[in-house]
Amino acid sequence: ILDEPMNGLDKDGVKDMRQYLLDLKAQGKTILIASHSAEDIDVLCD
């Protein structure tokens, strides 16, 4: 359960974090994420 996990990250950090969350999803984890970024939501969310 992640509330604005990209907060304060630079562009590379955001990219790393997104990839990491997608890897966790691929492992079968369930993720609930709140974000102000439309791009984060588009890239990550089902």
ModelCIF file with pLDDT and N, C-alpha, C, O atoms, coordinates in Angstrom:
data_MODEL
#
_entry.id   MODEL 
#
_entity.id                         1 
_entity.type                       polymer 
_entity.pdbx_number_of_molecules   1 
#
_entity_poly.entity_id                      1 
_entity_poly.type                           'polypeptide(L)' 
_entity_poly.nstd_linkage                   no 
_entity_poly.nstd_monomer                   no 
_entity_poly.pdbx_seq_one_letter_code       ILDEPMNGLDKDGVKDMRQYLLDLKAQGKTILIASHSAEDIDVLCD 
_entity_poly.pdbx_seq_one_letter_code_can   ILDEPMNGLDKDGVKDMRQYLLDLKAQGKTILIASHSAEDIDVLCD 
_entity_poly.pdbx_strand_id                 A 
#
loop_
_entity_poly_seq.entity_id 
_entity_poly_seq.num 
_entity_poly_seq.mon_id 
_entity_poly_seq.hetero 
1 1  ILE n 
1 2  LEU n 
1 3  ASP n 
1 4  GLU n 
1 5  PRO n 
1 6  MET n 
1 7  ASN n 
1 8  GLY n 
1 9  LEU n 
1 10 ASP n 
1 11 LYS n 
1 12 ASP n 
1 13 GLY n 
1 14 VAL n 
1 15 LYS n 
1 16 ASP n 
1 17 MET n 
1 18 ARG n 
1 19 GLN n 
1 20 TYR n 
1 21 LEU n 
1 22 LEU n 
1 23 ASP n 
1 24 LEU n 
1 25 LYS n 
1 26 ALA n 
1 27 GLN n 
1 28 GLY n 
1 29 LYS n 
1 30 THR n 
1 31 ILE n 
1 32 LEU n 
1 33 ILE n 
1 34 ALA n 
1 35 SER n 
1 36 HIS n 
1 37 SER n 
1 38 ALA n 
1 39 GLU n 
1 40 ASP n 
1 41 ILE n 
1 42 ASP n 
1 43 VAL n 
1 44 LEU n 
1 45 CYS n 
1 46 ASP n 
#
_struct_asym.id          A 
_struct_asym.entity_id   1 
#
loop_
_ma_qa_metric.id 
_ma_qa_metric.mode 
_ma_qa_metric.name 
_ma_qa_metric.software_group_id 
_ma_qa_metric.type 
1 global pLDDT . pLDDT 
2 local  pLDDT . pLDDT 
#
_ma_qa_metric_global.metric_id      1 
_ma_qa_metric_global.metric_value   90.93 
_ma_qa_metric_global.model_id       1 
_ma_qa_metric_global.ordinal_id     1 
#
loop_
_ma_qa_metric_local.label_asym_id 
_ma_qa_metric_local.label_comp_id 
_ma_qa_metric_local.label_seq_id 
_ma_qa_metric_local.metric_id 
_ma_qa_metric_local.metric_value 
_ma_qa_metric_local.model_id 
_ma_qa_metric_local.ordinal_id 
A ILE 1  2 96.00 1 1  
A LEU 2  2 95.00 1 2  
A ASP 3  2 93.00 1 3  
A GLU 4  2 90.00 1 4  
A PRO 5  2 89.00 1 5  
A MET 6  2 88.00 1 6  
A ASN 7  2 84.00 1 7  
A GLY 8  2 82.00 1 8  
A LEU 9  2 86.00 1 9  
A ASP 10 2 87.00 1 10 
A LYS 11 2 89.00 1 11 
A ASP 12 2 88.00 1 12 
A GLY 13 2 86.00 1 13 
A VAL 14 2 89.00 1 14 
A LYS 15 2 89.00 1 15 
A ASP 16 2 87.00 1 16 
A MET 17 2 88.00 1 17 
A ARG 18 2 91.00 1 18 
A GLN 19 2 91.00 1 19 
A TYR 20 2 89.00 1 20 
A LEU 21 2 92.00 1 21 
A LEU 22 2 93.00 1 22 
A ASP 23 2 92.00 1 23 
A LEU 24 2 92.00 1 24 
A LYS 25 2 93.00 1 25 
A ALA 26 2 95.00 1 26 
A GLN 27 2 93.00 1 27 
A GLY 28 2 93.00 1 28 
A LYS 29 2 94.00 1 29 
A THR 30 2 96.00 1 30 
A ILE 31 2 97.00 1 31 
A LEU 32 2 97.00 1 32 
A ILE 33 2 96.00 1 33 
A ALA 34 2 94.00 1 34 
A SER 35 2 90.00 1 35 
A HIS 36 2 85.00 1 36 
A SER 37 2 87.00 1 37 
A ALA 38 2 86.00 1 38 
A GLU 39 2 89.00 1 39 
A ASP 40 2 90.00 1 40 
A ILE 41 2 92.00 1 41 
A ASP 42 2 92.00 1 42 
A VAL 43 2 92.00 1 43 
A LEU 44 2 94.00 1 44 
A CYS 45 2 96.00 1 45 
A ASP 46 2 96.00 1 46 
#
loop_
_atom_site.group_PDB 
_atom_site.id 
_atom_site.type_symbol 
_atom_site.label_atom_id 
_atom_site.label_alt_id 
_atom_site.label_comp_id 
_atom_site.label_asym_id 
_atom_site.label_entity_id 
_atom_site.label_seq_id 
_atom_site.pdbx_PDB_ins_code 
_atom_site.Cartn_x 
_atom_site.Cartn_y 
_atom_site.Cartn_z 
_atom_site.occupancy 
_atom_site.B_iso_or_equiv 
_atom_site.pdbx_formal_charge 
_atom_site.auth_seq_id 
_atom_site.auth_comp_id 
_atom_site.auth_asym_id 
_atom_site.auth_atom_id 
_atom_site.pdbx_PDB_model_num 
ATOM 1   N N  . ILE A 1 1  ? 0.871  -1.177  0.000   1.00 96.00 ? 1  ILE A N  1 
ATOM 2   C CA . ILE A 1 1  ? 0.000  0.000   0.000   1.00 96.00 ? 1  ILE A CA 1 
ATOM 3   C C  . ILE A 1 1  ? 0.907  1.225   0.000   1.00 96.00 ? 1  ILE A C  1 
ATOM 4   O O  . ILE A 1 1  ? 1.564  1.525   0.997   1.00 96.00 ? 1  ILE A O  1 
ATOM 5   N N  . LEU A 1 2  ? 0.934  1.925   -1.125  1.00 95.00 ? 2  LEU A N  1 
ATOM 6   C CA . LEU A 1 2  ? 1.944  2.969   -1.346  1.00 95.00 ? 2  LEU A CA 1 
ATOM 7   C C  . LEU A 1 2  ? 1.271  4.305   -1.663  1.00 95.00 ? 2  LEU A C  1 
ATOM 8   O O  . LEU A 1 2  ? 0.624  4.458   -2.699  1.00 95.00 ? 2  LEU A O  1 
ATOM 9   N N  . ASP A 1 3  ? 1.434  5.260   -0.762  1.00 93.00 ? 3  ASP A N  1 
ATOM 10  C CA . ASP A 1 3  ? 0.853  6.593   -0.940  1.00 93.00 ? 3  ASP A CA 1 
ATOM 11  C C  . ASP A 1 3  ? 1.928  7.516   -1.502  1.00 93.00 ? 3  ASP A C  1 
ATOM 12  O O  . ASP A 1 3  ? 2.861  7.882   -0.787  1.00 93.00 ? 3  ASP A O  1 
ATOM 13  N N  . GLU A 1 4  ? 1.812  7.893   -2.758  1.00 90.00 ? 4  GLU A N  1 
ATOM 14  C CA . GLU A 1 4  ? 2.782  8.789   -3.426  1.00 90.00 ? 4  GLU A CA 1 
ATOM 15  C C  . GLU A 1 4  ? 4.229  8.277   -3.284  1.00 90.00 ? 4  GLU A C  1 
ATOM 16  O O  . GLU A 1 4  ? 5.084  9.012   -2.789  1.00 90.00 ? 4  GLU A O  1 
ATOM 17  N N  . PRO A 1 5  ? 4.518  7.046   -3.702  1.00 89.00 ? 5  PRO A N  1 
ATOM 18  C CA . PRO A 1 5  ? 5.872  6.510   -3.497  1.00 89.00 ? 5  PRO A CA 1 
ATOM 19  C C  . PRO A 1 5  ? 6.941  7.203   -4.350  1.00 89.00 ? 5  PRO A C  1 
ATOM 20  O O  . PRO A 1 5  ? 8.132  7.070   -4.068  1.00 89.00 ? 5  PRO A O  1 
ATOM 21  N N  . MET A 1 6  ? 6.533  7.938   -5.386  1.00 88.00 ? 6  MET A N  1 
ATOM 22  C CA . MET A 1 6  ? 7.519  8.613   -6.253  1.00 88.00 ? 6  MET A CA 1 
ATOM 23  C C  . MET A 1 6  ? 7.904  10.002  -5.737  1.00 88.00 ? 6  MET A C  1 
ATOM 24  O O  . MET A 1 6  ? 8.742  10.685  -6.326  1.00 88.00 ? 6  MET A O  1 
ATOM 25  N N  . ASN A 1 7  ? 7.292  10.402  -4.649  1.00 84.00 ? 7  ASN A N  1 
ATOM 26  C CA . ASN A 1 7  ? 7.514  11.731  -4.085  1.00 84.00 ? 7  ASN A CA 1 
ATOM 27  C C  . ASN A 1 7  ? 9.006  12.016  -3.892  1.00 84.00 ? 7  ASN A C  1 
ATOM 28  O O  . ASN A 1 7  ? 9.705  11.240  -3.240  1.00 84.00 ? 7  ASN A O  1 
ATOM 29  N N  . GLY A 1 8  ? 9.492  13.118  -4.452  1.00 82.00 ? 8  GLY A N  1 
ATOM 30  C CA . GLY A 1 8  ? 10.888 13.508  -4.209  1.00 82.00 ? 8  GLY A CA 1 
ATOM 31  C C  . GLY A 1 8  ? 11.911 12.775  -5.049  1.00 82.00 ? 8  GLY A C  1 
ATOM 32  O O  . GLY A 1 8  ? 13.105 13.049  -4.929  1.00 82.00 ? 8  GLY A O  1 
ATOM 33  N N  . LEU A 1 9  ? 11.480 11.845  -5.903  1.00 86.00 ? 9  LEU A N  1 
ATOM 34  C CA . LEU A 1 9  ? 12.437 11.124  -6.747  1.00 86.00 ? 9  LEU A CA 1 
ATOM 35  C C  . LEU A 1 9  ? 12.715 11.913  -8.021  1.00 86.00 ? 9  LEU A C  1 
ATOM 36  O O  . LEU A 1 9  ? 11.817 12.549  -8.574  1.00 86.00 ? 9  LEU A O  1 
ATOM 37  N N  . ASP A 1 10 ? 13.966 11.870  -8.486  1.00 87.00 ? 10 ASP A N  1 
ATOM 38  C CA . ASP A 1 10 ? 14.276 12.506  -9.771  1.00 87.00 ? 10 ASP A CA 1 
ATOM 39  C C  . ASP A 1 10 ? 13.805 11.582  -10.903 1.00 87.00 ? 10 ASP A C  1 
ATOM 40  O O  . ASP A 1 10 ? 13.263 10.503  -10.663 1.00 87.00 ? 10 ASP A O  1 
ATOM 41  N N  . LYS A 1 11 ? 14.030 12.040  -12.150 1.00 89.00 ? 11 LYS A N  1 
ATOM 42  C CA . LYS A 1 11 ? 13.506 11.301  -13.309 1.00 89.00 ? 11 LYS A CA 1 
ATOM 43  C C  . LYS A 1 11 ? 14.000 9.850   -13.338 1.00 89.00 ? 11 LYS A C  1 
ATOM 44  O O  . LYS A 1 11 ? 13.223 8.927   -13.585 1.00 89.00 ? 11 LYS A O  1 
ATOM 45  N N  . ASP A 1 12 ? 15.294 9.660   -13.083 1.00 88.00 ? 12 ASP A N  1 
ATOM 46  C CA . ASP A 1 12 ? 15.852 8.293   -13.074 1.00 88.00 ? 12 ASP A CA 1 
ATOM 47  C C  . ASP A 1 12 ? 15.253 7.474   -11.934 1.00 88.00 ? 12 ASP A C  1 
ATOM 48  O O  . ASP A 1 12 ? 14.960 6.289   -12.088 1.00 88.00 ? 12 ASP A O  1 
ATOM 49  N N  . GLY A 1 13 ? 15.079 8.128   -10.793 1.00 86.00 ? 13 GLY A N  1 
ATOM 50  C CA . GLY A 1 13 ? 14.504 7.438   -9.637  1.00 86.00 ? 13 GLY A CA 1 
ATOM 51  C C  . GLY A 1 13 ? 13.096 6.962   -9.909  1.00 86.00 ? 13 GLY A C  1 
ATOM 52  O O  . GLY A 1 13 ? 12.719 5.852   -9.534  1.00 86.00 ? 13 GLY A O  1 
ATOM 53  N N  . VAL A 1 14 ? 12.306 7.824   -10.576 1.00 89.00 ? 14 VAL A N  1 
ATOM 54  C CA . VAL A 1 14 ? 10.926 7.458   -10.923 1.00 89.00 ? 14 VAL A CA 1 
ATOM 55  C C  . VAL A 1 14 ? 10.926 6.255   -11.866 1.00 89.00 ? 14 VAL A C  1 
ATOM 56  O O  . VAL A 1 14 ? 10.138 5.322   -11.714 1.00 89.00 ? 14 VAL A O  1 
ATOM 57  N N  . LYS A 1 15 ? 11.834 6.305   -12.845 1.00 89.00 ? 15 LYS A N  1 
ATOM 58  C CA . LYS A 1 15 ? 11.921 5.198   -13.806 1.00 89.00 ? 15 LYS A CA 1 
ATOM 59  C C  . LYS A 1 15 ? 12.284 3.886   -13.094 1.00 89.00 ? 15 LYS A C  1 
ATOM 60  O O  . LYS A 1 15 ? 11.679 2.844   -13.346 1.00 89.00 ? 15 LYS A O  1 
ATOM 61  N N  . ASP A 1 16 ? 13.278 3.955   -12.204 1.00 87.00 ? 16 ASP A N  1 
ATOM 62  C CA . ASP A 1 16 ? 13.691 2.775   -11.423 1.00 87.00 ? 16 ASP A CA 1 
ATOM 63  C C  . ASP A 1 16 ? 12.521 2.228   -10.601 1.00 87.00 ? 16 ASP A C  1 
ATOM 64  O O  . ASP A 1 16 ? 12.255 1.027   -10.579 1.00 87.00 ? 16 ASP A O  1 
ATOM 65  N N  . MET A 1 17 ? 11.830 3.157   -9.925  1.00 88.00 ? 17 MET A N  1 
ATOM 66  C CA . MET A 1 17 ? 10.748 2.747   -9.024  1.00 88.00 ? 17 MET A CA 1 
ATOM 67  C C  . MET A 1 17 ? 9.609  2.097   -9.804  1.00 88.00 ? 17 MET A C  1 
ATOM 68  O O  . MET A 1 17 ? 9.046  1.090   -9.374  1.00 88.00 ? 17 MET A O  1 
ATOM 69  N N  . ARG A 1 18 ? 9.275  2.682   -10.957 1.00 91.00 ? 18 ARG A N  1 
ATOM 70  C CA . ARG A 1 18 ? 8.205  2.087   -11.781 1.00 91.00 ? 18 ARG A CA 1 
ATOM 71  C C  . ARG A 1 18 ? 8.570  0.671   -12.188 1.00 91.00 ? 18 ARG A C  1 
ATOM 72  O O  . ARG A 1 18 ? 7.761  -0.250  -12.074 1.00 91.00 ? 18 ARG A O  1 
ATOM 73  N N  . GLN A 1 19 ? 9.804  0.506   -12.667 1.00 91.00 ? 19 GLN A N  1 
ATOM 74  C CA . GLN A 1 19 ? 10.247 -0.814  -13.112 1.00 91.00 ? 19 GLN A CA 1 
ATOM 75  C C  . GLN A 1 19 ? 10.208 -1.800  -11.952 1.00 91.00 ? 19 GLN A C  1 
ATOM 76  O O  . GLN A 1 19 ? 9.815  -2.957  -12.107 1.00 91.00 ? 19 GLN A O  1 
ATOM 77  N N  . TYR A 1 20 ? 10.625 -1.311  -10.787 1.00 89.00 ? 20 TYR A N  1 
ATOM 78  C CA . TYR A 1 20 ? 10.655 -2.169  -9.610  1.00 89.00 ? 20 TYR A CA 1 
ATOM 79  C C  . TYR A 1 20 ? 9.239  -2.624  -9.237  1.00 89.00 ? 20 TYR A C  1 
ATOM 80  O O  . TYR A 1 20 ? 9.024  -3.789  -8.903  1.00 89.00 ? 20 TYR A O  1 
ATOM 81  N N  . LEU A 1 21 ? 8.283  -1.700  -9.296  1.00 92.00 ? 21 LEU A N  1 
ATOM 82  C CA . LEU A 1 21 ? 6.894  -2.053  -8.958  1.00 92.00 ? 21 LEU A CA 1 
ATOM 83  C C  . LEU A 1 21 ? 6.312  -3.020  -9.985  1.00 92.00 ? 21 LEU A C  1 
ATOM 84  O O  . LEU A 1 21 ? 5.551  -3.920  -9.628  1.00 92.00 ? 21 LEU A O  1 
ATOM 85  N N  . LEU A 1 22 ? 6.663  -2.842  -11.254 1.00 93.00 ? 22 LEU A N  1 
ATOM 86  C CA . LEU A 1 22 ? 6.201  -3.792  -12.289 1.00 93.00 ? 22 LEU A CA 1 
ATOM 87  C C  . LEU A 1 22 ? 6.809  -5.177  -12.059 1.00 93.00 ? 22 LEU A C  1 
ATOM 88  O O  . LEU A 1 22 ? 6.153  -6.194  -12.285 1.00 93.00 ? 22 LEU A O  1 
ATOM 89  N N  . ASP A 1 23 ? 8.066  -5.209  -11.608 1.00 92.00 ? 23 ASP A N  1 
ATOM 90  C CA . ASP A 1 23 ? 8.702  -6.503  -11.276 1.00 92.00 ? 23 ASP A CA 1 
ATOM 91  C C  . ASP A 1 23 ? 7.961  -7.180  -10.116 1.00 92.00 ? 23 ASP A C  1 
ATOM 92  O O  . ASP A 1 23 ? 7.745  -8.392  -10.128 1.00 92.00 ? 23 ASP A O  1 
ATOM 93  N N  . LEU A 1 24 ? 7.580  -6.381  -9.119  1.00 92.00 ? 24 LEU A N  1 
ATOM 94  C CA . LEU A 1 24 ? 6.852  -6.945  -7.968  1.00 92.00 ? 24 LEU A CA 1 
ATOM 95  C C  . LEU A 1 24 ? 5.491  -7.494  -8.411  1.00 92.00 ? 24 LEU A C  1 
ATOM 96  O O  . LEU A 1 24 ? 5.051  -8.545  -7.945  1.00 92.00 ? 24 LEU A O  1 
ATOM 97  N N  . LYS A 1 25 ? 4.835  -6.761  -9.321  1.00 93.00 ? 25 LYS A N  1 
ATOM 98  C CA . LYS A 1 25 ? 3.553  -7.245  -9.863  1.00 93.00 ? 25 LYS A CA 1 
ATOM 99  C C  . LYS A 1 25 ? 3.758  -8.583  -10.582 1.00 93.00 ? 25 LYS A C  1 
ATOM 100 O O  . LYS A 1 25 ? 2.954  -9.504  -10.443 1.00 93.00 ? 25 LYS A O  1 
ATOM 101 N N  . ALA A 1 26 ? 4.858  -8.674  -11.358 1.00 95.00 ? 26 ALA A N  1 
ATOM 102 C CA . ALA A 1 26 ? 5.151  -9.919  -12.090 1.00 95.00 ? 26 ALA A CA 1 
ATOM 103 C C  . ALA A 1 26 ? 5.374  -11.090 -11.132 1.00 95.00 ? 26 ALA A C  1 
ATOM 104 O O  . ALA A 1 26 ? 5.178  -12.248 -11.502 1.00 95.00 ? 26 ALA A O  1 
ATOM 105 N N  . GLN A 1 27 ? 5.788  -10.780 -9.896  1.00 93.00 ? 27 GLN A N  1 
ATOM 106 C CA . GLN A 1 27 ? 5.966  -11.839 -8.886  1.00 93.00 ? 27 GLN A CA 1 
ATOM 107 C C  . GLN A 1 27 ? 4.638  -12.214 -8.221  1.00 93.00 ? 27 GLN A C  1 
ATOM 108 O O  . GLN A 1 27 ? 4.598  -13.081 -7.349  1.00 93.00 ? 27 GLN A O  1 
ATOM 109 N N  . GLY A 1 28 ? 3.542  -11.547 -8.644  1.00 93.00 ? 28 GLY A N  1 
ATOM 110 C CA . GLY A 1 28 ? 2.232  -11.886 -8.076  1.00 93.00 ? 28 GLY A CA 1 
ATOM 111 C C  . GLY A 1 28 ? 1.801  -11.028 -6.906  1.00 93.00 ? 28 GLY A C  1 
ATOM 112 O O  . GLY A 1 28 ? 0.799  -11.325 -6.256  1.00 93.00 ? 28 GLY A O  1 
ATOM 113 N N  . LYS A 1 29 ? 2.553  -9.950  -6.623  1.00 94.00 ? 29 LYS A N  1 
ATOM 114 C CA . LYS A 1 29 ? 2.171  -9.065  -5.522  1.00 94.00 ? 29 LYS A CA 1 
ATOM 115 C C  . LYS A 1 29 ? 0.955  -8.230  -5.924  1.00 94.00 ? 29 LYS A C  1 
ATOM 116 O O  . LYS A 1 29 ? 0.739  -7.939  -7.101  1.00 94.00 ? 29 LYS A O  1 
ATOM 117 N N  . THR A 1 30 ? 0.177  -7.857  -4.925  1.00 96.00 ? 30 THR A N  1 
ATOM 118 C CA . THR A 1 30 ? -0.941 -6.934  -5.140  1.00 96.00 ? 30 THR A CA 1 
ATOM 119 C C  . THR A 1 30 ? -0.491 -5.556  -4.649  1.00 96.00 ? 30 THR A C  1 
ATOM 120 O O  . THR A 1 30 ? 0.066  -5.430  -3.559  1.00 96.00 ? 30 THR A O  1 
ATOM 121 N N  . ILE A 1 31 ? -0.738 -4.526  -5.463  1.00 97.00 ? 31 ILE A N  1 
ATOM 122 C CA . ILE A 1 31 ? -0.257 -3.185  -5.112  1.00 97.00 ? 31 ILE A CA 1 
ATOM 123 C C  . ILE A 1 31 ? -1.407 -2.187  -5.207  1.00 97.00 ? 31 ILE A C  1 
ATOM 124 O O  . ILE A 1 31 ? -2.118 -2.131  -6.210  1.00 97.00 ? 31 ILE A O  1 
ATOM 125 N N  . LEU A 1 32 ? -1.574 -1.404  -4.150  1.00 97.00 ? 32 LEU A N  1 
ATOM 126 C CA . LEU A 1 32 ? -2.515 -0.277  -4.156  1.00 97.00 ? 32 LEU A CA 1 
ATOM 127 C C  . LEU A 1 32 ? -1.676 0.985   -4.065  1.00 97.00 ? 32 LEU A C  1 
ATOM 128 O O  . LEU A 1 32 ? -0.939 1.176   -3.097  1.00 97.00 ? 32 LEU A O  1 
ATOM 129 N N  . ILE A 1 33 ? -1.783 1.852   -5.073  1.00 96.00 ? 33 ILE A N  1 
ATOM 130 C CA . ILE A 1 33 ? -0.895 3.014   -5.149  1.00 96.00 ? 33 ILE A CA 1 
ATOM 131 C C  . ILE A 1 33 ? -1.714 4.287   -5.373  1.00 96.00 ? 33 ILE A C  1 
ATOM 132 O O  . ILE A 1 33 ? -2.621 4.320   -6.205  1.00 96.00 ? 33 ILE A O  1 
ATOM 133 N N  . ALA A 1 34 ? -1.379 5.326   -4.620  1.00 94.00 ? 34 ALA A N  1 
ATOM 134 C CA . ALA A 1 34 ? -1.968 6.648   -4.867  1.00 94.00 ? 34 ALA A CA 1 
ATOM 135 C C  . ALA A 1 34 ? -0.890 7.510   -5.491  1.00 94.00 ? 34 ALA A C  1 
ATOM 136 O O  . ALA A 1 34 ? 0.244  7.536   -5.013  1.00 94.00 ? 34 ALA A O  1 
ATOM 137 N N  . SER A 1 35 ? -1.237 8.215   -6.559  1.00 90.00 ? 35 SER A N  1 
ATOM 138 C CA . SER A 1 35 ? -0.243 9.060   -7.222  1.00 90.00 ? 35 SER A CA 1 
ATOM 139 C C  . SER A 1 35 ? -0.904 10.270  -7.851  1.00 90.00 ? 35 SER A C  1 
ATOM 140 O O  . SER A 1 35 ? -2.045 10.212  -8.310  1.00 90.00 ? 35 SER A O  1 
ATOM 141 N N  . HIS A 1 36 ? -0.150 11.387  -7.863  1.00 85.00 ? 36 HIS A N  1 
ATOM 142 C CA . HIS A 1 36 ? -0.620 12.588  -8.570  1.00 85.00 ? 36 HIS A CA 1 
ATOM 143 C C  . HIS A 1 36 ? -0.222 12.532  -10.048 1.00 85.00 ? 36 HIS A C  1 
ATOM 144 O O  . HIS A 1 36 ? -0.675 13.343  -10.855 1.00 85.00 ? 36 HIS A O  1 
ATOM 145 N N  . SER A 1 37 ? 0.633  11.560  -10.388 1.00 87.00 ? 37 SER A N  1 
ATOM 146 C CA . SER A 1 37 ? 1.173  11.522  -11.744 1.00 87.00 ? 37 SER A CA 1 
ATOM 147 C C  . SER A 1 37 ? 0.320  10.632  -12.652 1.00 87.00 ? 37 SER A C  1 
ATOM 148 O O  . SER A 1 37 ? 0.196  9.429   -12.426 1.00 87.00 ? 37 SER A O  1 
ATOM 149 N N  . ALA A 1 38 ? -0.266 11.251  -13.686 1.00 86.00 ? 38 ALA A N  1 
ATOM 150 C CA . ALA A 1 38 ? -1.080 10.486  -14.644 1.00 86.00 ? 38 ALA A CA 1 
ATOM 151 C C  . ALA A 1 38 ? -0.225 9.429   -15.329 1.00 86.00 ? 38 ALA A C  1 
ATOM 152 O O  . ALA A 1 38 ? -0.707 8.345   -15.655 1.00 86.00 ? 38 ALA A O  1 
ATOM 153 N N  . GLU A 1 39 ? 1.049  9.752   -15.547 1.00 89.00 ? 39 GLU A N  1 
ATOM 154 C CA . GLU A 1 39 ? 1.941  8.812   -16.233 1.00 89.00 ? 39 GLU A CA 1 
ATOM 155 C C  . GLU A 1 39 ? 2.211  7.580   -15.373 1.00 89.00 ? 39 GLU A C  1 
ATOM 156 O O  . GLU A 1 39 ? 2.190  6.455   -15.872 1.00 89.00 ? 39 GLU A O  1 
ATOM 157 N N  . ASP A 1 40 ? 2.465  7.791   -14.075 1.00 90.00 ? 40 ASP A N  1 
ATOM 158 C CA . ASP A 1 40 ? 2.651  6.644   -13.171 1.00 90.00 ? 40 ASP A CA 1 
ATOM 159 C C  . ASP A 1 40 ? 1.448  5.717   -13.242 1.00 90.00 ? 40 ASP A C  1 
ATOM 160 O O  . ASP A 1 40 ? 1.584  4.499   -13.363 1.00 90.00 ? 40 ASP A O  1 
ATOM 161 N N  . ILE A 1 41 ? 0.268  6.321   -13.165 1.00 92.00 ? 41 ILE A N  1 
ATOM 162 C CA . ILE A 1 41 ? -0.974 5.543   -13.145 1.00 92.00 ? 41 ILE A CA 1 
ATOM 163 C C  . ILE A 1 41 ? -1.134 4.779   -14.466 1.00 92.00 ? 41 ILE A C  1 
ATOM 164 O O  . ILE A 1 41 ? -1.489 3.600   -14.470 1.00 92.00 ? 41 ILE A O  1 
ATOM 165 N N  . ASP A 1 42 ? -0.868 5.464   -15.583 1.00 92.00 ? 42 ASP A N  1 
ATOM 166 C CA . ASP A 1 42 ? -0.985 4.819   -16.901 1.00 92.00 ? 42 ASP A CA 1 
ATOM 167 C C  . ASP A 1 42 ? -0.039 3.635   -17.048 1.00 92.00 ? 42 ASP A C  1 
ATOM 168 O O  . ASP A 1 42 ? -0.426 2.567   -17.522 1.00 92.00 ? 42 ASP A O  1 
ATOM 169 N N  . VAL A 1 43 ? 1.212  3.844   -16.630 1.00 92.00 ? 43 VAL A N  1 
ATOM 170 C CA . VAL A 1 43 ? 2.253  2.823   -16.822 1.00 92.00 ? 43 VAL A CA 1 
ATOM 171 C C  . VAL A 1 43 ? 2.019  1.623   -15.900 1.00 92.00 ? 43 VAL A C  1 
ATOM 172 O O  . VAL A 1 43 ? 2.244  0.478   -16.293 1.00 92.00 ? 43 VAL A O  1 
ATOM 173 N N  . LEU A 1 44 ? 1.566  1.893   -14.670 1.00 94.00 ? 44 LEU A N  1 
ATOM 174 C CA . LEU A 1 44 ? 1.573  0.841   -13.650 1.00 94.00 ? 44 LEU A CA 1 
ATOM 175 C C  . LEU A 1 44 ? 0.243  0.110   -13.467 1.00 94.00 ? 44 LEU A C  1 
ATOM 176 O O  . LEU A 1 44 ? 0.236  -1.082  -13.159 1.00 94.00 ? 44 LEU A O  1 
ATOM 177 N N  . CYS A 1 45 ? -0.883 0.808   -13.654 1.00 96.00 ? 45 CYS A N  1 
ATOM 178 C CA . CYS A 1 45 ? -2.133 0.302   -13.074 1.00 96.00 ? 45 CYS A CA 1 
ATOM 179 C C  . CYS A 1 45 ? -3.008 -0.512  -14.024 1.00 96.00 ? 45 CYS A C  1 
ATOM 180 O O  . CYS A 1 45 ? -3.168 -0.185  -15.200 1.00 96.00 ? 45 CYS A O  1 
ATOM 181 N N  . ASP A 1 46 ? -3.566 -1.583  -13.467 1.00 96.00 ? 46 ASP A N  1 
ATOM 182 C CA . ASP A 1 46 ? -4.557 -2.406  -14.183 1.00 96.00 ? 46 ASP A CA 1 
ATOM 183 C C  . ASP A 1 46 ? -5.955 -1.820  -14.010 1.00 96.00 ? 46 ASP A C  1 
ATOM 184 O O  . ASP A 1 46 ? -6.924 -2.368  -14.537 1.00 96.00 ? 46 ASP A O  1 
#
